[in-house]
C-alpha atoms as a PDB file:
ATOM      1  CA  MET A   1      70.392  -2.195 157.123  1.00  0.00           C
ATOM      2  CA  TRP A   2      68.355  -4.317 154.586  1.00  0.00           C
ATOM      3  CA  SER A   3      66.308  -7.317 155.785  1.00  0.00           C
ATOM      4  CA  PRO A   4      67.887 -10.722 154.256  1.00  0.00           C
ATOM      5  CA  ASP A   5      64.775 -11.004 151.831  1.00  0.00           C
ATOM      6  CA  GLY A   6      65.308  -7.111 150.871  1.00  0.00           C
ATOM      7  CA  ARG A   7      61.893  -6.197 151.503  1.00  0.00           C
ATOM      8  CA  PHE A   8      62.371  -3.575 154.154  1.00  0.00           C
ATOM      9  CA  LEU A   9      65.238  -1.548 155.400  1.00  0.00           C
ATOM     10  CA  VAL A  10      65.862  -1.001 159.340  1.00  0.00           C
ATOM     11  CA  TYR A  11      67.732   2.463 160.282  1.00  0.00           C
ATOM     12  CA  ALA A  12      68.192   4.607 163.208  1.00  0.00           C
ATOM     13  CA  GLY A  13      65.708   7.427 163.844  1.00  0.00           C
ATOM     14  CA  ALA A  14      66.380  10.926 165.001  1.00  0.00           C
ATOM     15  CA  ASP A  15      69.208  10.757 167.870  1.00  0.00           C
ATOM     16  CA  VAL A  16      67.403  13.133 170.098  1.00  0.00           C
ATOM     17  CA  GLY A  17      68.514  13.267 173.520  1.00  0.00           C
ATOM     18  CA  PRO A  18      69.424   9.949 175.071  1.00  0.00           C
ATOM     19  CA  ILE A  19      67.385   7.804 173.090  1.00  0.00           C
ATOM     20  CA  PHE A  20      66.323   7.121 169.301  1.00  0.00           C
ATOM     21  CA  ARG A  21      63.869   4.757 167.707  1.00  0.00           C
ATOM     22  CA  VAL A  22      64.548   2.018 165.287  1.00  0.00           C
ATOM     23  CA  ARG A  23      62.430   2.469 162.462  1.00  0.00           C
ATOM     24  CA  ALA A  24      61.651   0.512 159.197  1.00  0.00           C
ATOM     25  CA  VAL A  25      60.616   1.491 155.515  1.00  0.00           C
ATOM     26  CA  THR A  26      60.057  -0.518 152.332  1.00  0.00           C
ATOM     27  CA  GLU A  27      62.198   0.052 149.385  1.00  0.00           C
ATOM     28  CA  ASP A  28      59.450   2.609 148.146  1.00  0.00           C
ATOM     29  CA  GLY A  29      59.669   4.587 151.390  1.00  0.00           C
ATOM     30  CA  THR A  30      56.747   3.359 152.980  1.00  0.00           C
ATOM     31  CA  PRO A  31      56.798   2.728 156.573  1.00  0.00           C
ATOM     32  CA  HIS A  32      57.303  -1.073 157.435  1.00  0.00           C
ATOM     33  CA  GLU A  33      55.095  -2.262 160.502  1.00  0.00           C
ATOM     34  CA  GLN A  34      57.129  -3.157 163.273  1.00  0.00           C
ATOM     35  CA  PRO A  35      56.974  -3.348 167.175  1.00  0.00           C
ATOM     36  CA  ASP A  36      57.915  -0.111 168.920  1.00  0.00           C
ATOM     37  CA  LEU A  37      61.883  -0.227 169.486  1.00  0.00           C
ATOM     38  CA  VAL A  38      63.929   2.302 171.454  1.00  0.00           C
ATOM     39  CA  LEU A  39      67.389   2.344 172.136  1.00  0.00           C
ATOM     40  CA  SER A  40      69.839   4.466 174.100  1.00  0.00           C
ATOM     41  CA  ARG A  41      72.525   6.463 172.263  1.00  0.00           C
ATOM     42  CA  GLY A  42      75.757   4.804 171.109  1.00  0.00           C
ATOM     43  CA  ALA A  43      73.672   1.780 169.991  1.00  0.00           C
ATOM     44  CA  SER A  44      73.152   2.304 166.398  1.00  0.00           C
ATOM     45  CA  ARG A  45      74.444  -0.627 164.968  1.00  0.00           C
ATOM     46  CA  PHE A  46      71.841  -3.706 164.593  1.00  0.00           C
ATOM     47  CA  CYS A  47      72.085  -6.986 162.772  1.00  0.00           C
ATOM     48  CA  PHE A  48      69.501  -9.195 160.948  1.00  0.00           C
ATOM     49  CA  LEU A  49      69.558 -12.967 162.196  1.00  0.00           C
ATOM     50  CA  PRO A  50      68.767 -15.452 159.256  1.00  0.00           C
ATOM     51  CA  GLY A  51      65.198 -15.246 157.954  1.00  0.00           C
ATOM     52  CA  GLY A  52      64.582 -11.353 158.730  1.00  0.00           C
ATOM     53  CA  THR A  53      62.241 -11.811 161.789  1.00  0.00           C
ATOM     54  CA  ALA A  54      64.781 -10.860 164.378  1.00  0.00           C
ATOM     55  CA  LEU A  55      67.222  -8.278 165.205  1.00  0.00           C
ATOM     56  CA  VAL A  56      70.192  -8.527 167.463  1.00  0.00           C
ATOM     57  CA  VAL A  57      71.037  -5.091 168.782  1.00  0.00           C
ATOM     58  CA  LEU A  58      73.274  -3.330 171.612  1.00  0.00           C
ATOM     59  CA  LYS A  59      70.950  -2.216 174.699  1.00  0.00           C
ATOM     60  CA  GLY A  60      71.626  -0.697 177.988  1.00  0.00           C
ATOM     61  CA  GLU A  61      73.137   2.048 179.663  1.00  0.00           C
ATOM     62  CA  PHE A  62      74.888   4.760 177.302  1.00  0.00           C
ATOM     63  CA  GLN A  63      78.391   3.247 178.056  1.00  0.00           C
ATOM     64  CA  TYR A  64      77.702  -0.438 179.172  1.00  0.00           C
ATOM     65  CA  LYS A  65      75.524  -2.771 176.829  1.00  0.00           C
ATOM     66  CA  ASN A  66      74.553  -6.131 176.312  1.00  0.00           C
ATOM     67  CA  PHE A  67      73.436  -8.036 173.301  1.00  0.00           C
ATOM     68  CA  TRP A  68      69.506  -8.337 173.062  1.00  0.00           C
ATOM     69  CA  LEU A  69      67.572 -10.378 170.806  1.00  0.00           C
ATOM     70  CA  ILE A  70      64.457  -8.349 169.401  1.00  0.00           C
ATOM     71  CA  ASP A  71      61.692 -10.208 167.457  1.00  0.00           C
ATOM     72  CA  LEU A  72      60.234  -8.279 164.892  1.00  0.00           C
ATOM     73  CA  LYS A  73      56.711  -9.740 164.770  1.00  0.00           C
ATOM     74  CA  THR A  74      55.878 -10.186 168.336  1.00  0.00           C
ATOM     75  CA  GLY A  75      57.992  -7.371 169.758  1.00  0.00           C
ATOM     76  CA  ASN A  76      59.462  -9.813 172.499  1.00  0.00           C
ATOM     77  CA  GLN A  77      62.908  -9.111 173.762  1.00  0.00           C
ATOM     78  CA  ARG A  78      65.522 -11.700 175.336  1.00  0.00           C
ATOM     79  CA  GLN A  79      69.053 -10.531 176.722  1.00  0.00           C
ATOM     80  CA  LEU A  80      71.520 -12.727 175.250  1.00  0.00           C
ATOM     81  CA  THR A  81      74.666 -11.438 177.327  1.00  0.00           C
ATOM     82  CA  ASN A  82      75.433 -10.348 180.730  1.00  0.00           C
ATOM     83  CA  PHE A  83      78.760  -8.769 180.382  1.00  0.00           C
ATOM     84  CA  GLY A  84      80.326  -6.833 183.267  1.00  0.00           C
ATOM     85  CA  ARG A  85      80.842  -2.988 183.551  1.00  0.00           C
ATOM     86  CA  GLU A  86      84.502  -3.238 182.864  1.00  0.00           C
ATOM     87  CA  PHE A  87      84.454  -3.245 179.099  1.00  0.00           C
ATOM     88  CA  THR A  88      82.528  -1.151 176.284  1.00  0.00           C
ATOM     89  CA  ILE A  89      81.556  -2.826 173.032  1.00  0.00           C
ATOM     90  CA  GLY A  90      82.389  -0.984 169.972  1.00  0.00           C
ATOM     91  CA  ASP A  91      81.049  -2.693 166.528  1.00  0.00           C
ATOM     92  CA  PHE A  92      79.571  -6.014 166.129  1.00  0.00           C
ATOM     93  CA  ASP A  93      78.207  -8.268 163.598  1.00  0.00           C
ATOM     94  CA  VAL A  94      76.153 -11.961 163.266  1.00  0.00           C
ATOM     95  CA  SER A  95      77.672 -14.690 161.557  1.00  0.00           C
ATOM     96  CA  PRO A  96      75.725 -15.675 158.271  1.00  0.00           C
ATOM     97  CA  ASP A  97      73.872 -18.921 160.187  1.00  0.00           C
ATOM     98  CA  GLY A  98      73.028 -16.539 163.293  1.00  0.00           C
ATOM     99  CA  ARG A  99      74.897 -18.982 165.770  1.00  0.00           C
ATOM    100  CA  GLU A 100      77.790 -16.276 166.557  1.00  0.00           C
ATOM    101  CA  ILE A 101      78.284 -12.689 167.483  1.00  0.00           C
ATOM    102  CA  VAL A 102      81.646 -11.287 166.547  1.00  0.00           C
ATOM    103  CA  PHE A 103      82.425  -8.162 168.441  1.00  0.00           C
ATOM    104  CA  ASP A 104      85.224  -5.698 169.322  1.00  0.00           C
ATOM    105  CA  ARG A 105      85.472  -4.614 173.129  1.00  0.00           C
ATOM    106  CA  LEU A 106      87.630  -1.739 175.013  1.00  0.00           C
ATOM    107  CA  LYS A 107      88.823  -2.278 178.411  1.00  0.00           C
ATOM    108  CA  GLU A 108      88.498   0.842 180.797  1.00  0.00           C
ATOM    109  CA  ASN A 109      92.000  -0.013 182.000  1.00  0.00           C
ATOM    110  CA  ALA A 110      93.793  -0.875 179.050  1.00  0.00           C
ATOM    111  CA  ASP A 111      95.114   0.337 175.757  1.00  0.00           C
ATOM    112  CA  ILE A 112      95.951  -3.113 174.423  1.00  0.00           C
ATOM    113  CA  VAL A 113      93.668  -4.370 171.636  1.00  0.00           C
ATOM    114  CA  LEU A 114      93.517  -8.360 171.559  1.00  0.00           C
ATOM    115  CA  ILE A 115      91.490  -9.943 168.721  1.00  0.00           C
ATOM    116  CA  GLU A 116      91.199 -13.723 169.453  1.00  0.00           C
ATOM    117  CA  GLN A 117      90.362 -16.272 166.778  1.00  0.00           C
ATOM    118  CA  VAL A 118      88.734 -19.538 168.125  1.00  0.00           C
ATOM    119  CA  ALA A 119      89.732 -22.613 166.275  1.00  0.00           C
ATOM    120  CA  ARG A 120      87.396 -24.553 164.573  1.00  0.00           C
END
């Protein structure tokens, strides 16, 4: 995913074993400096917040993950959610203003999908 200013690209490194590293490069392929970020398999989706200095990622066990905010300048990480183990998050995106995370989830005991849209 390209940073909002287009200066660098973050991507999932080699998926070897249960983990992978998030890497970053500039448009000419030069490595872009960032904190060491290791995620578990199945969490290769990440989104920039406005300003491009932080990422929202899925982090946790292979099957059960939560949303985390990663500061790309300091490396500080903050857990944003504390979901139970009863469902798995599939895909997600962050609203353009960075205030909302839209995601899908799969419940282990159901084959029904519900998409709720909050009235504004």
